[in-house]
Every structure is written in C-alpha cells, then in structure tokens.
C-alpha cells in the first residue's frame, strides 16, 4: 500500500453581482470544484478537492483570473493521507 494525499479547501469568491450565476457555472466546471451557495450580493461559497496543494492553487489562480471575479479568499484548507492500493 502507498500513501497518497487528499486536499480540500473552501473559499469565498466575491463577484460582480450580475455575473454571479455565470461565474458559478464556470467555477463548477473546474476539476474538483463545487459551488455550495450563491448570494444576491455576488458571494459564492466554493470547495476545491484534489490530490495535492498544486491543483488547488491552480484552481484559485484560475478563479481569480475570471472576468467578473473581484476576489477569492481561502477560508479553510486541510489535507489527509489516505492509503491507496499499490499497483502491480
């Protein structure tokens, strides 16, 4: 058995309110991303999951680069080691 990491992060993304639903769809299309809430004021609650910190940070960079996103604030990050079946 090998040990692999599993990362989960949550963020609050502040968007221009008229663009909030379109941006929620774009963010949800990112690998490992899930939208949990969209407010009328343009705030999105997002979780990101991945096998390491690198894809999480890449997703945050991608979100920050989306037109209409004002900021993406990391609220929580955790990682655990999980056992994975070795490949023969």
C-alpha atoms as a PDB file:
ATOM      1  CA  UNK A   1       0.000   0.000   0.000  1.00  0.00           C
ATOM      2  CA  UNK A   2       1.125   3.514  -0.772  1.00  0.00           C
ATOM      3  CA  UNK A   3       0.052   6.683   0.959  1.00  0.00           C
ATOM      4  CA  UNK A   4      -1.477   9.498  -1.049  1.00  0.00           C
ATOM      5  CA  UNK A   5      -2.752  12.894  -0.023  1.00  0.00           C
ATOM      6  CA  UNK A   6      -6.281  14.233  -0.348  1.00  0.00           C
ATOM      7  CA  UNK A   7      -6.711  18.018  -0.111  1.00  0.00           C
ATOM      8  CA  UNK A   8      -9.881  20.027   0.433  1.00  0.00           C
ATOM      9  CA  UNK A   9     -10.158  23.807   0.555  1.00  0.00           C
ATOM     10  CA  UNK A  10     -13.029  26.207   0.915  1.00  0.00           C
ATOM     11  CA  UNK A  11     -13.167  29.746  -0.336  1.00  0.00           C
ATOM     12  CA  UNK A  12     -15.455  32.709  -0.573  1.00  0.00           C
ATOM     13  CA  UNK A  13     -15.439  34.236  -4.035  1.00  0.00           C
ATOM     14  CA  UNK A  14     -16.689  37.793  -4.404  1.00  0.00           C
ATOM     15  CA  UNK A  15     -18.077  38.511  -7.862  1.00  0.00           C
ATOM     16  CA  UNK A  16     -19.794  41.339  -9.660  1.00  0.00           C
ATOM     17  CA  UNK A  17     -23.409  40.534  -8.699  1.00  0.00           C
ATOM     18  CA  UNK A  18     -24.863  40.478 -12.246  1.00  0.00           C
ATOM     19  CA  UNK A  19     -22.243  37.868 -13.235  1.00  0.00           C
ATOM     20  CA  UNK A  20     -22.600  35.607 -10.173  1.00  0.00           C
ATOM     21  CA  UNK A  21     -24.561  32.779 -11.821  1.00  0.00           C
ATOM     22  CA  UNK A  22     -22.369  32.646 -14.927  1.00  0.00           C
ATOM     23  CA  UNK A  23     -19.245  32.630 -12.759  1.00  0.00           C
ATOM     24  CA  UNK A  24     -20.718  29.921 -10.515  1.00  0.00           C
ATOM     25  CA  UNK A  25     -21.146  27.746 -13.629  1.00  0.00           C
ATOM     26  CA  UNK A  26     -17.595  28.453 -14.808  1.00  0.00           C
ATOM     27  CA  UNK A  27     -16.115  27.689 -11.400  1.00  0.00           C
ATOM     28  CA  UNK A  28     -18.186  24.498 -11.045  1.00  0.00           C
ATOM     29  CA  UNK A  29     -16.715  23.333 -14.365  1.00  0.00           C
ATOM     30  CA  UNK A  30     -13.196  23.331 -12.857  1.00  0.00           C
ATOM     31  CA  UNK A  31     -11.885  19.911 -11.895  1.00  0.00           C
ATOM     32  CA  UNK A  32     -12.630  19.225  -8.218  1.00  0.00           C
ATOM     33  CA  UNK A  33     -14.751  22.369  -7.705  1.00  0.00           C
ATOM     34  CA  UNK A  34     -18.208  22.516  -6.185  1.00  0.00           C
ATOM     35  CA  UNK A  35     -20.462  25.520  -5.534  1.00  0.00           C
ATOM     36  CA  UNK A  36     -22.355  25.448  -2.239  1.00  0.00           C
ATOM     37  CA  UNK A  37     -24.029  28.860  -2.172  1.00  0.00           C
ATOM     38  CA  UNK A  38     -24.602  31.916  -4.351  1.00  0.00           C
ATOM     39  CA  UNK A  39     -25.837  35.131  -2.710  1.00  0.00           C
ATOM     40  CA  UNK A  40     -27.668  38.030  -4.331  1.00  0.00           C
ATOM     41  CA  UNK A  41     -24.691  40.215  -3.369  1.00  0.00           C
ATOM     42  CA  UNK A  42     -22.367  38.103  -5.547  1.00  0.00           C
ATOM     43  CA  UNK A  43     -20.683  35.950  -2.907  1.00  0.00           C
ATOM     44  CA  UNK A  44     -20.031  32.299  -3.772  1.00  0.00           C
ATOM     45  CA  UNK A  45     -19.081  29.551  -1.336  1.00  0.00           C
ATOM     46  CA  UNK A  46     -16.796  27.094  -3.135  1.00  0.00           C
ATOM     47  CA  UNK A  47     -14.942  23.927  -2.197  1.00  0.00           C
ATOM     48  CA  UNK A  48     -11.983  22.551  -4.111  1.00  0.00           C
ATOM     49  CA  UNK A  49     -10.709  18.994  -3.809  1.00  0.00           C
ATOM     50  CA  UNK A  50      -7.564  17.476  -5.242  1.00  0.00           C
ATOM     51  CA  UNK A  51      -4.638  15.099  -4.788  1.00  0.00           C
ATOM     52  CA  UNK A  52      -2.183  17.841  -3.767  1.00  0.00           C
ATOM     53  CA  UNK A  53      -1.920  21.525  -2.987  1.00  0.00           C
ATOM     54  CA  UNK A  54      -0.765  22.350  -6.529  1.00  0.00           C
ATOM     55  CA  UNK A  55      -4.115  21.790  -8.344  1.00  0.00           C
ATOM     56  CA  UNK A  56      -5.927  23.638  -5.539  1.00  0.00           C
ATOM     57  CA  UNK A  57      -3.684  26.665  -6.010  1.00  0.00           C
ATOM     58  CA  UNK A  58      -4.024  26.429  -9.800  1.00  0.00           C
ATOM     59  CA  UNK A  59      -7.824  26.461  -9.443  1.00  0.00           C
ATOM     60  CA  UNK A  60      -7.672  29.500  -7.137  1.00  0.00           C
ATOM     61  CA  UNK A  61      -5.463  31.288  -9.685  1.00  0.00           C
ATOM     62  CA  UNK A  62      -7.921  30.362 -12.458  1.00  0.00           C
ATOM     63  CA  UNK A  63     -10.852  31.683 -10.407  1.00  0.00           C
ATOM     64  CA  UNK A  64      -9.048  34.959  -9.656  1.00  0.00           C
ATOM     65  CA  UNK A  65      -8.338  35.396 -13.383  1.00  0.00           C
ATOM     66  CA  UNK A  66     -12.006  35.060 -14.416  1.00  0.00           C
ATOM     67  CA  UNK A  67     -13.518  38.353 -15.609  1.00  0.00           C
ATOM     68  CA  UNK A  68     -16.057  39.483 -13.031  1.00  0.00           C
ATOM     69  CA  UNK A  69     -14.299  37.920 -10.035  1.00  0.00           C
ATOM     70  CA  UNK A  70     -13.300  40.594  -7.534  1.00  0.00           C
ATOM     71  CA  UNK A  71     -11.512  38.280  -5.082  1.00  0.00           C
ATOM     72  CA  UNK A  72     -11.186  34.667  -3.987  1.00  0.00           C
ATOM     73  CA  UNK A  73     -10.366  34.289  -0.303  1.00  0.00           C
ATOM     74  CA  UNK A  74      -9.119  30.968   1.028  1.00  0.00           C
ATOM     75  CA  UNK A  75     -11.056  30.221   4.210  1.00  0.00           C
ATOM     76  CA  UNK A  76     -10.001  26.657   5.034  1.00  0.00           C
ATOM     77  CA  UNK A  77      -7.507  24.068   3.805  1.00  0.00           C
ATOM     78  CA  UNK A  78      -6.987  20.554   5.088  1.00  0.00           C
ATOM     79  CA  UNK A  79      -5.204  17.507   3.805  1.00  0.00           C
ATOM     80  CA  UNK A  80      -5.195  13.916   4.917  1.00  0.00           C
ATOM     81  CA  UNK A  81      -3.110  10.970   3.931  1.00  0.00           C
ATOM     82  CA  UNK A  82      -5.079   8.049   2.542  1.00  0.00           C
ATOM     83  CA  UNK A  83      -3.943   4.556   1.813  1.00  0.00           C
ATOM     84  CA  UNK A  84      -4.052   3.522  -1.824  1.00  0.00           C
ATOM     85  CA  UNK A  85      -3.736   0.054  -3.266  1.00  0.00           C
ATOM     86  CA  UNK A  86      -0.313  -0.465  -4.791  1.00  0.00           C
ATOM     87  CA  UNK A  87      -0.148  -1.134  -8.494  1.00  0.00           C
ATOM     88  CA  UNK A  88       1.466  -4.308  -9.597  1.00  0.00           C
END
